[in-house]
N, C-alpha and C. Protein backbone atom coordinates (compact mmCIF):
# COMPACT_ATOMS: atom_id res chain seq x y z
N MET A 1 18.12 4.03 -21.63
CA MET A 1 18.22 5.19 -20.79
C MET A 1 17.20 5.55 -20.35
N ARG A 2 17.05 6.07 -19.18
CA ARG A 2 15.86 6.30 -18.11
C ARG A 2 15.68 8.11 -18.79
N HIS A 3 14.36 7.95 -19.06
CA HIS A 3 13.76 9.26 -19.23
C HIS A 3 13.05 9.85 -18.14
N GLY A 4 13.23 10.79 -17.07
CA GLY A 4 12.69 11.27 -16.15
C GLY A 4 13.10 11.00 -14.84
N SER A 5 12.73 11.43 -13.74
CA SER A 5 13.54 11.06 -12.44
C SER A 5 13.10 9.97 -11.93
N ILE A 6 13.94 9.37 -10.95
CA ILE A 6 13.84 8.09 -10.32
C ILE A 6 13.11 8.32 -8.82
N PRO A 7 11.87 7.80 -8.80
CA PRO A 7 10.81 7.94 -7.81
C PRO A 7 11.88 7.69 -6.15
N GLY A 8 11.68 8.74 -5.37
CA GLY A 8 12.41 8.56 -4.13
C GLY A 8 13.85 9.21 -3.94
N VAL A 9 14.49 9.24 -4.93
CA VAL A 9 15.65 9.89 -5.05
C VAL A 9 16.00 11.21 -4.32
N HIS A 10 14.62 12.09 -4.35
CA HIS A 10 14.63 13.07 -3.72
C HIS A 10 13.95 13.12 -2.29
N GLY A 11 13.38 12.03 -1.94
CA GLY A 11 12.66 11.95 -0.96
C GLY A 11 13.55 11.71 0.70
N ARG A 12 13.06 11.67 1.74
CA ARG A 12 13.47 11.32 2.80
C ARG A 12 12.87 10.02 3.59
N VAL A 13 13.80 8.79 3.85
CA VAL A 13 12.89 7.72 4.46
C VAL A 13 12.51 8.27 5.77
N ARG A 14 11.38 7.85 6.00
CA ARG A 14 10.47 8.37 7.18
C ARG A 14 10.21 6.99 8.08
N PRO A 15 9.95 7.10 9.44
CA PRO A 15 9.73 5.71 10.13
C PRO A 15 8.18 5.18 9.78
N LEU A 16 8.40 3.72 9.75
CA LEU A 16 7.02 3.32 9.49
C LEU A 16 5.98 3.42 10.63
N THR A 17 4.88 3.39 10.38
CA THR A 17 3.97 3.19 11.37
C THR A 17 3.61 1.74 11.47
N LEU A 18 3.71 1.13 12.59
CA LEU A 18 3.42 -0.39 12.77
C LEU A 18 1.99 -0.50 13.52
N LEU A 19 1.58 -1.67 13.34
CA LEU A 19 0.41 -2.30 13.81
C LEU A 19 0.23 -1.75 15.16
N GLY A 20 -0.96 -1.36 15.78
CA GLY A 20 -1.00 -1.03 17.07
C GLY A 20 -1.13 0.70 17.06
N ASP A 21 -0.55 1.24 15.94
CA ASP A 21 -0.72 2.77 16.04
C ASP A 21 -1.96 3.08 15.55
N PRO A 22 -2.75 3.83 16.13
CA PRO A 22 -4.10 4.25 15.87
C PRO A 22 -4.32 5.04 14.16
N ALA A 23 -3.25 5.52 13.76
CA ALA A 23 -3.14 5.99 12.52
C ALA A 23 -3.53 4.94 11.34
N LEU A 24 -3.16 3.76 11.71
CA LEU A 24 -3.41 2.46 10.87
C LEU A 24 -4.94 2.14 10.73
N ARG A 25 -5.75 2.65 12.02
CA ARG A 25 -7.11 2.51 11.66
C ARG A 25 -7.99 3.29 11.42
N GLU A 26 -7.62 4.52 11.22
CA GLU A 26 -8.79 5.68 10.71
C GLU A 26 -8.64 5.76 9.33
N ARG A 27 -9.74 5.95 8.58
CA ARG A 27 -9.73 6.52 7.15
C ARG A 27 -9.39 7.55 7.04
N CYS A 28 -8.42 7.63 5.88
CA CYS A 28 -7.54 8.73 5.47
C CYS A 28 -8.68 9.62 4.93
N GLY A 29 -7.94 11.05 5.09
CA GLY A 29 -8.78 12.19 4.03
C GLY A 29 -8.39 12.37 2.78
N ASP A 30 -9.05 13.13 2.11
CA ASP A 30 -8.86 13.39 0.80
C ASP A 30 -7.85 14.23 0.40
N VAL A 31 -6.86 14.34 -0.42
CA VAL A 31 -5.96 15.35 -0.71
C VAL A 31 -6.64 16.41 -1.29
N THR A 32 -6.56 17.70 -0.57
CA THR A 32 -7.20 19.07 -1.54
C THR A 32 -5.89 19.76 -2.13
N ASP A 33 -4.91 19.69 -1.46
CA ASP A 33 -3.91 20.68 -2.00
C ASP A 33 -2.86 19.81 -2.86
N PHE A 34 -2.64 19.95 -4.11
CA PHE A 34 -2.08 19.31 -5.22
C PHE A 34 -0.57 20.15 -5.42
N GLY A 35 0.03 20.51 -4.28
CA GLY A 35 0.92 21.34 -4.16
C GLY A 35 2.53 20.63 -3.97
N PRO A 36 3.50 21.71 -3.73
CA PRO A 36 4.74 21.01 -3.31
C PRO A 36 4.63 20.06 -2.24
N GLU A 37 4.08 20.26 -1.33
CA GLU A 37 3.94 19.25 0.06
C GLU A 37 3.52 18.30 -0.41
N LEU A 38 2.61 17.83 -1.24
CA LEU A 38 2.21 16.54 -1.77
C LEU A 38 3.22 15.77 -2.52
N ALA A 39 4.13 16.66 -3.57
CA ALA A 39 5.07 16.13 -4.46
C ALA A 39 6.21 15.50 -3.49
N ALA A 40 6.52 16.25 -2.29
CA ALA A 40 7.43 15.93 -1.55
C ALA A 40 6.96 14.52 -0.72
N LEU A 41 5.71 14.68 -0.37
CA LEU A 41 5.20 13.37 0.39
C LEU A 41 5.13 11.93 -0.50
N VAL A 42 5.04 12.01 -1.72
CA VAL A 42 5.06 10.91 -2.84
C VAL A 42 6.52 10.54 -2.85
N GLN A 43 7.47 11.55 -3.06
CA GLN A 43 8.95 11.31 -2.93
C GLN A 43 9.36 10.61 -1.62
N ASP A 44 8.84 10.88 -0.50
CA ASP A 44 9.13 10.32 0.75
C ASP A 44 8.71 8.76 0.79
N LEU A 45 7.49 8.85 0.27
CA LEU A 45 6.82 7.43 0.43
C LEU A 45 7.48 6.50 -0.45
N PHE A 46 7.94 6.79 -1.69
CA PHE A 46 8.88 6.18 -2.50
C PHE A 46 10.13 5.62 -1.91
N ALA A 47 10.81 6.67 -1.28
CA ALA A 47 12.07 6.55 -0.49
C ALA A 47 11.93 5.36 0.66
N THR A 48 10.80 5.65 1.30
CA THR A 48 10.66 4.76 2.58
C THR A 48 10.40 3.25 2.04
N MET A 49 9.53 3.20 0.99
CA MET A 49 9.12 2.00 0.51
C MET A 49 10.23 1.30 0.11
N TYR A 50 11.49 2.01 -0.74
CA TYR A 50 12.53 1.56 -1.23
C TYR A 50 13.38 0.82 -0.14
N ALA A 51 13.40 1.86 0.92
CA ALA A 51 14.34 1.43 2.04
C ALA A 51 14.07 0.14 2.71
N ALA A 52 12.89 0.06 2.92
CA ALA A 52 12.11 -1.02 3.62
C ALA A 52 11.76 -2.34 2.76
N ARG A 53 12.03 -2.26 1.40
CA ARG A 53 12.15 -3.11 0.35
C ARG A 53 10.60 -3.68 0.25
N GLY A 54 9.72 -2.91 0.06
CA GLY A 54 8.16 -2.86 0.01
C GLY A 54 8.08 -3.00 -1.49
N VAL A 55 6.64 -3.37 -1.89
CA VAL A 55 6.18 -2.95 -3.38
C VAL A 55 4.98 -1.95 -3.49
N GLY A 56 4.52 -1.56 -2.11
CA GLY A 56 3.76 -0.48 -2.11
C GLY A 56 3.77 0.18 -0.74
N LEU A 57 3.27 1.32 -0.54
CA LEU A 57 3.25 1.97 0.82
C LEU A 57 2.25 3.08 0.80
N ALA A 58 1.32 2.99 1.46
CA ALA A 58 0.21 4.01 1.74
C ALA A 58 0.71 5.28 2.72
N ALA A 59 0.00 6.59 2.64
CA ALA A 59 0.61 7.67 3.58
C ALA A 59 0.64 7.31 5.02
N ASN A 60 -0.66 6.71 5.31
CA ASN A 60 -0.84 6.39 6.81
C ASN A 60 0.46 5.41 7.38
N GLN A 61 0.72 4.70 6.55
CA GLN A 61 1.97 3.81 7.07
C GLN A 61 3.25 4.80 7.29
N ILE A 62 3.19 6.02 6.93
CA ILE A 62 4.31 6.89 7.64
C ILE A 62 3.68 7.97 8.49
N GLY A 63 2.35 7.85 8.81
CA GLY A 63 1.88 8.45 9.80
C GLY A 63 1.12 9.79 9.29
N VAL A 64 0.73 9.92 7.88
CA VAL A 64 0.13 10.94 7.17
C VAL A 64 -1.25 10.39 6.66
N PRO A 65 -2.15 11.25 7.35
CA PRO A 65 -3.61 10.57 7.42
C PRO A 65 -4.35 10.93 6.21
N LEU A 66 -3.51 10.90 4.71
CA LEU A 66 -3.85 11.54 3.62
C LEU A 66 -3.95 10.09 2.61
N ARG A 67 -4.98 10.37 1.61
CA ARG A 67 -5.18 9.35 0.59
C ARG A 67 -4.34 9.20 -0.53
N VAL A 68 -3.13 8.76 -0.29
CA VAL A 68 -1.99 8.65 -1.16
C VAL A 68 -1.39 7.53 -1.10
N PHE A 69 -1.22 6.72 -2.30
CA PHE A 69 0.04 5.60 -2.01
C PHE A 69 0.63 5.33 -3.23
N VAL A 70 1.90 4.61 -3.18
CA VAL A 70 2.94 4.57 -4.22
C VAL A 70 2.98 2.97 -4.42
N TYR A 71 3.40 2.53 -5.69
CA TYR A 71 3.77 1.35 -5.79
C TYR A 71 4.90 1.17 -6.79
N ASP A 72 5.77 0.16 -6.64
CA ASP A 72 6.63 -0.49 -7.52
C ASP A 72 6.66 -1.95 -7.47
N CYS A 73 5.61 -2.72 -8.27
CA CYS A 73 5.06 -3.93 -8.09
C CYS A 73 5.02 -4.74 -9.37
N PRO A 74 5.34 -5.97 -9.57
CA PRO A 74 5.40 -6.78 -10.48
C PRO A 74 4.11 -7.51 -10.74
N ASP A 75 3.40 -7.72 -11.51
CA ASP A 75 2.12 -8.62 -11.90
C ASP A 75 2.76 -10.28 -12.05
N ASP A 76 1.99 -10.90 -12.05
CA ASP A 76 2.11 -12.39 -12.24
C ASP A 76 3.18 -12.81 -13.47
N ASP A 77 3.01 -11.89 -14.32
CA ASP A 77 3.71 -12.01 -15.77
C ASP A 77 5.11 -11.26 -15.63
N ASP A 78 5.46 -10.93 -14.54
CA ASP A 78 6.81 -10.22 -14.03
C ASP A 78 6.72 -8.75 -15.05
N VAL A 79 5.65 -8.17 -15.09
CA VAL A 79 6.06 -6.78 -15.75
C VAL A 79 5.68 -5.79 -14.52
N ARG A 80 6.72 -4.98 -14.29
CA ARG A 80 6.95 -3.83 -13.45
C ARG A 80 5.76 -2.87 -13.70
N HIS A 81 5.03 -2.59 -12.65
CA HIS A 81 4.20 -1.45 -12.59
C HIS A 81 4.76 -0.37 -11.49
N LEU A 82 4.56 0.84 -11.87
CA LEU A 82 5.46 1.89 -10.91
C LEU A 82 4.74 3.13 -11.21
N GLY A 83 4.43 3.63 -9.88
CA GLY A 83 3.44 4.75 -9.92
C GLY A 83 2.80 5.14 -8.43
N HIS A 84 1.97 6.27 -8.62
CA HIS A 84 1.17 6.64 -7.55
C HIS A 84 -0.03 6.98 -7.77
N VAL A 85 -0.88 7.07 -6.51
CA VAL A 85 -2.33 7.57 -6.86
C VAL A 85 -2.57 8.42 -5.78
N VAL A 86 -3.26 9.48 -6.04
CA VAL A 86 -4.01 10.41 -4.95
C VAL A 86 -5.33 10.30 -4.94
N ASN A 87 -6.14 10.20 -3.72
CA ASN A 87 -7.28 10.15 -3.43
C ASN A 87 -8.06 9.02 -4.41
N PRO A 88 -7.03 7.71 -4.31
CA PRO A 88 -7.71 6.34 -4.90
C PRO A 88 -8.93 5.77 -4.41
N HIS A 89 -9.74 5.35 -5.37
CA HIS A 89 -10.79 4.74 -5.18
C HIS A 89 -10.69 3.30 -5.96
N LEU A 90 -11.13 2.30 -5.33
CA LEU A 90 -10.91 0.96 -5.85
C LEU A 90 -12.49 0.67 -6.74
N VAL A 91 -12.60 0.83 -7.60
CA VAL A 91 -13.67 0.73 -8.36
C VAL A 91 -14.16 -0.71 -9.24
N ALA A 92 -13.06 -1.47 -9.21
CA ALA A 92 -13.56 -2.80 -9.34
C ALA A 92 -12.36 -3.89 -8.95
N ALA A 93 -13.07 -4.82 -8.20
CA ALA A 93 -12.36 -5.91 -7.59
C ALA A 93 -13.06 -7.13 -8.04
N ASP A 94 -12.26 -7.95 -8.93
CA ASP A 94 -13.37 -8.96 -9.53
C ASP A 94 -12.51 -10.29 -10.13
N GLY A 95 -13.14 -11.11 -10.68
CA GLY A 95 -12.59 -12.14 -11.28
C GLY A 95 -12.29 -13.52 -10.29
N ILE A 96 -11.19 -13.99 -10.47
CA ILE A 96 -11.20 -15.44 -9.17
C ILE A 96 -10.55 -14.80 -8.01
N VAL A 97 -11.15 -15.26 -6.86
CA VAL A 97 -10.63 -14.89 -5.37
C VAL A 97 -9.28 -15.90 -5.24
N LEU A 98 -8.28 -15.47 -4.99
CA LEU A 98 -7.29 -16.19 -4.82
C LEU A 98 -6.51 -16.21 -3.52
N ARG A 99 -5.99 -17.15 -2.81
CA ARG A 99 -5.47 -16.91 -1.39
C ARG A 99 -3.84 -17.19 -1.97
N GLY A 100 -3.31 -15.94 -1.43
CA GLY A 100 -1.84 -15.98 -1.48
C GLY A 100 -1.08 -15.26 -0.51
N PRO A 101 0.22 -15.43 -0.26
CA PRO A 101 0.98 -14.94 0.91
C PRO A 101 0.70 -13.47 0.80
N GLU A 102 0.71 -12.83 1.86
CA GLU A 102 0.26 -11.33 1.95
C GLU A 102 1.36 -10.66 3.02
N GLY A 103 1.97 -9.92 2.91
CA GLY A 103 2.90 -9.20 3.93
C GLY A 103 2.54 -7.46 3.89
N CYS A 104 3.28 -7.18 4.75
CA CYS A 104 2.96 -5.79 4.95
C CYS A 104 4.10 -5.08 5.96
N LEU A 105 4.46 -3.75 5.25
CA LEU A 105 5.53 -3.10 6.25
C LEU A 105 5.21 -2.90 7.50
N SER A 106 4.05 -2.58 7.78
CA SER A 106 3.21 -2.21 9.00
C SER A 106 3.40 -3.32 10.08
N LEU A 107 3.59 -4.49 9.47
CA LEU A 107 3.78 -5.75 10.39
C LEU A 107 4.77 -6.31 9.77
N PRO A 108 5.95 -6.23 10.33
CA PRO A 108 7.24 -6.66 9.64
C PRO A 108 7.57 -7.88 10.03
N GLY A 109 8.10 -8.68 9.01
CA GLY A 109 8.58 -10.22 9.24
C GLY A 109 7.20 -11.28 9.44
N LEU A 110 6.22 -10.48 9.03
CA LEU A 110 5.05 -11.65 9.04
C LEU A 110 4.30 -11.55 7.74
N GLU A 111 3.67 -12.61 7.44
CA GLU A 111 2.73 -12.95 6.17
C GLU A 111 1.61 -14.06 6.70
N ALA A 112 0.61 -13.89 5.80
CA ALA A 112 -0.46 -14.83 5.78
C ALA A 112 -1.17 -14.84 4.54
N GLY A 113 -1.88 -16.20 4.12
CA GLY A 113 -2.49 -16.59 3.19
C GLY A 113 -3.58 -15.82 3.15
N THR A 114 -3.95 -14.70 2.44
CA THR A 114 -4.96 -13.80 2.46
C THR A 114 -5.61 -13.75 1.10
N GLU A 115 -6.96 -13.92 1.15
CA GLU A 115 -7.74 -14.19 -0.13
C GLU A 115 -7.93 -12.54 -0.80
N ARG A 116 -7.64 -12.70 -1.94
CA ARG A 116 -7.70 -11.04 -2.98
C ARG A 116 -8.40 -11.77 -4.14
N TYR A 117 -9.01 -10.64 -4.73
CA TYR A 117 -9.51 -10.74 -6.14
C TYR A 117 -8.26 -10.94 -7.17
N ASP A 118 -8.31 -11.55 -8.29
CA ASP A 118 -7.08 -11.58 -9.10
C ASP A 118 -7.22 -10.26 -10.15
N HIS A 119 -8.11 -9.54 -10.13
CA HIS A 119 -8.17 -8.28 -10.83
C HIS A 119 -8.59 -6.85 -10.18
N ALA A 120 -8.19 -5.87 -10.44
CA ALA A 120 -8.48 -4.68 -9.75
C ALA A 120 -8.11 -3.48 -10.38
N VAL A 121 -9.32 -2.55 -10.32
CA VAL A 121 -9.08 -1.18 -10.92
C VAL A 121 -9.16 -0.13 -9.87
N VAL A 122 -8.24 0.75 -10.13
CA VAL A 122 -8.23 2.01 -8.93
C VAL A 122 -8.12 3.22 -9.84
N GLU A 123 -9.15 4.30 -9.55
CA GLU A 123 -9.20 5.50 -10.22
C GLU A 123 -8.60 6.83 -9.18
N GLY A 124 -8.09 7.61 -9.54
CA GLY A 124 -7.81 8.67 -8.86
C GLY A 124 -6.93 9.64 -9.46
N PHE A 125 -5.91 10.23 -8.65
CA PHE A 125 -5.38 11.55 -9.54
C PHE A 125 -3.70 11.38 -9.28
N THR A 126 -2.98 12.14 -10.32
CA THR A 126 -1.43 12.07 -10.02
C THR A 126 -1.10 13.26 -9.13
N VAL A 127 -0.02 13.37 -8.84
CA VAL A 127 0.63 14.37 -7.78
C VAL A 127 0.25 15.89 -8.42
N ALA A 128 -0.04 15.82 -9.82
CA ALA A 128 -0.19 17.21 -10.65
C ALA A 128 -1.66 17.15 -10.80
N GLY A 129 -2.54 16.23 -10.25
CA GLY A 129 -3.85 16.75 -10.36
C GLY A 129 -4.66 15.90 -11.51
N GLU A 130 -3.71 15.06 -12.17
CA GLU A 130 -4.31 14.62 -13.51
C GLU A 130 -5.14 13.37 -13.23
N PRO A 131 -6.36 13.11 -13.69
CA PRO A 131 -6.79 11.86 -13.63
C PRO A 131 -6.06 10.70 -14.12
N VAL A 132 -6.17 9.47 -13.22
CA VAL A 132 -5.44 8.42 -13.57
C VAL A 132 -6.44 7.04 -13.33
N THR A 133 -6.25 6.13 -13.98
CA THR A 133 -6.77 4.79 -13.86
C THR A 133 -5.72 3.84 -13.91
N VAL A 134 -5.58 2.90 -13.02
CA VAL A 134 -4.55 1.97 -12.81
C VAL A 134 -5.32 0.54 -12.80
N HIS A 135 -5.34 -0.20 -13.79
CA HIS A 135 -5.45 -1.55 -13.87
C HIS A 135 -4.52 -2.66 -13.32
N GLY A 136 -4.75 -3.66 -12.51
CA GLY A 136 -3.90 -4.60 -11.95
C GLY A 136 -4.48 -5.94 -12.15
N THR A 137 -3.51 -6.82 -12.35
CA THR A 137 -4.09 -8.34 -12.18
C THR A 137 -2.90 -9.17 -11.31
N GLY A 138 -3.27 -10.24 -11.16
CA GLY A 138 -2.48 -11.08 -10.19
C GLY A 138 -1.92 -10.42 -8.94
N PHE A 139 -0.71 -10.49 -8.85
CA PHE A 139 0.13 -9.91 -7.64
C PHE A 139 -0.11 -8.43 -7.62
N PHE A 140 -0.01 -7.78 -8.62
CA PHE A 140 -0.51 -6.11 -8.81
C PHE A 140 -1.59 -6.00 -8.31
N ALA A 141 -2.66 -6.60 -8.70
CA ALA A 141 -3.86 -6.53 -8.26
C ALA A 141 -4.10 -6.85 -6.65
N ARG A 142 -3.32 -7.59 -6.06
CA ARG A 142 -3.30 -7.86 -4.91
C ARG A 142 -2.83 -6.50 -4.05
N CYS A 143 -1.72 -6.06 -4.67
CA CYS A 143 -1.18 -4.58 -4.07
C CYS A 143 -1.86 -3.62 -4.22
N LEU A 144 -2.73 -3.14 -5.29
CA LEU A 144 -3.76 -2.26 -5.13
C LEU A 144 -4.92 -2.39 -4.08
N GLN A 145 -5.33 -3.53 -4.17
CA GLN A 145 -6.27 -3.89 -3.13
C GLN A 145 -5.83 -3.65 -1.60
N HIS A 146 -4.56 -4.10 -1.41
CA HIS A 146 -3.88 -4.15 -0.17
C HIS A 146 -3.76 -2.52 0.30
N GLU A 147 -3.21 -1.79 -0.69
CA GLU A 147 -2.91 -0.12 -0.38
C GLU A 147 -4.20 0.58 -0.25
N CYS A 148 -5.34 0.23 -1.06
CA CYS A 148 -6.87 0.83 -0.72
C CYS A 148 -7.26 0.74 0.45
N ASP A 149 -7.11 -0.98 1.07
CA ASP A 149 -7.66 -1.06 2.40
C ASP A 149 -6.74 -0.23 3.34
N HIS A 150 -5.36 0.12 3.21
CA HIS A 150 -4.92 0.94 4.15
C HIS A 150 -5.38 2.35 4.34
N LEU A 151 -5.79 2.94 3.52
CA LEU A 151 -6.40 4.17 3.25
C LEU A 151 -7.97 4.19 3.92
N GLU A 152 -8.44 2.88 4.18
CA GLU A 152 -9.96 3.02 4.67
C GLU A 152 -9.67 2.46 6.08
N GLY A 153 -8.60 2.61 6.72
CA GLY A 153 -8.03 2.03 8.08
C GLY A 153 -8.05 0.40 8.16
N ARG A 154 -7.73 -0.38 7.24
CA ARG A 154 -7.69 -1.80 7.21
C ARG A 154 -6.27 -2.14 7.18
N VAL A 155 -6.05 -3.20 7.50
CA VAL A 155 -4.71 -4.28 7.14
C VAL A 155 -5.13 -5.54 6.90
N TYR A 156 -4.41 -6.09 6.15
CA TYR A 156 -4.55 -7.62 5.59
C TYR A 156 -5.00 -8.58 6.61
N ALA A 157 -4.47 -8.31 7.90
CA ALA A 157 -4.76 -9.21 8.88
C ALA A 157 -6.51 -9.29 9.36
N ASP A 158 -6.89 -8.07 9.20
CA ASP A 158 -8.49 -7.98 9.07
C ASP A 158 -9.29 -8.95 8.20
N ARG A 159 -8.78 -9.22 7.24
CA ARG A 159 -9.36 -9.93 6.28
C ARG A 159 -9.38 -11.47 6.52
N LEU A 160 -8.49 -12.10 7.58
CA LEU A 160 -8.06 -13.05 8.01
C LEU A 160 -9.19 -13.60 8.66
N THR A 161 -9.62 -15.16 8.68
CA THR A 161 -10.63 -15.73 9.60
C THR A 161 -10.13 -16.97 10.22
N GLY A 162 -10.75 -17.58 11.28
CA GLY A 162 -10.06 -19.01 11.50
C GLY A 162 -8.74 -19.27 12.22
N TRP A 163 -8.24 -20.03 11.79
CA TRP A 163 -6.96 -20.76 12.33
C TRP A 163 -5.87 -19.77 11.73
N ARG A 164 -6.15 -19.02 10.45
CA ARG A 164 -5.12 -18.18 9.89
C ARG A 164 -5.00 -16.96 10.60
N ARG A 165 -6.08 -16.41 11.32
CA ARG A 165 -6.29 -15.22 12.00
C ARG A 165 -5.65 -15.41 13.31
N ARG A 166 -5.94 -16.79 13.85
CA ARG A 166 -5.42 -16.92 15.23
C ARG A 166 -3.83 -17.12 15.20
N ARG A 167 -3.41 -17.72 14.20
CA ARG A 167 -1.80 -18.00 13.99
C ARG A 167 -1.22 -16.48 13.69
N LEU A 168 -1.82 -15.70 13.13
CA LEU A 168 -0.83 -14.39 12.73
C LEU A 168 -1.09 -13.58 13.94
N GLU A 169 -2.34 -13.60 14.85
CA GLU A 169 -2.37 -13.07 16.08
C GLU A 169 -1.33 -13.48 16.96
N ARG A 170 -1.20 -14.85 17.12
CA ARG A 170 0.07 -15.30 17.91
C ARG A 170 1.35 -14.65 17.59
N ARG A 171 1.72 -14.74 16.47
CA ARG A 171 2.88 -14.12 15.62
C ARG A 171 3.06 -12.62 15.96
N ILE A 172 2.14 -12.08 15.62
CA ILE A 172 2.16 -10.54 16.17
C ILE A 172 2.45 -10.31 17.80
N GLY A 173 1.82 -11.13 18.61
CA GLY A 173 2.33 -10.91 20.02
C GLY A 173 3.65 -11.29 20.19
N ARG A 174 4.05 -12.06 19.83
CA ARG A 174 5.41 -12.54 19.84
C ARG A 174 6.53 -11.64 19.13
N ALA A 175 6.21 -11.06 18.17
CA ALA A 175 7.04 -10.09 17.42
C ALA A 175 7.65 -8.75 18.44
N SER A 176 9.04 -8.67 18.06
CA SER A 176 9.46 -7.61 18.83
C SER A 176 9.22 -6.51 18.73
N TRP A 177 8.65 -5.87 17.67
CA TRP A 177 7.83 -4.52 17.24
C TRP A 177 6.63 -4.59 17.90
N SER A 178 5.84 -5.60 18.49
CA SER A 178 4.72 -5.40 19.19
C SER A 178 4.40 -5.07 20.56
N ARG A 179 5.92 -4.98 21.26
CA ARG A 179 5.93 -5.04 22.36
C ARG A 179 6.11 -3.53 23.03
């Protein structure tokens, strides 16, 4: 039996911001008002993430330049991690660097082998303003680093070099959404 609300049930699905939109390239501002508008934003983020079949979503991916992201992501042991972080700071990214497939809802249909650490720690706050620390390993660590990058105005493509970057750039140029 579920105890508590299902994230996104009361949210509305918003249009995704796609690569090329300046909103994805600007550092997001800190949340200062922990009121009902923030709670509604978190619900909208969950609803939009689920509708797009993602595992994480940052506020600037729906055009809101605030430091907030949500996640519903498994780790490498298939343990589900569900939550949100307001004003997150990546305080640790360490361990082994692994190259793994990474995609993004703002670059639909594309992915590339991207290097990320296999352990990450993010500190921030809940929607109620309570401090929270999130530890991630494996795929979930990748998710945490990916979402923190978004809030700094970066996308995973920025981490690519050489032929991987050139191949992704060609695929972006051919994508129907980039025209």
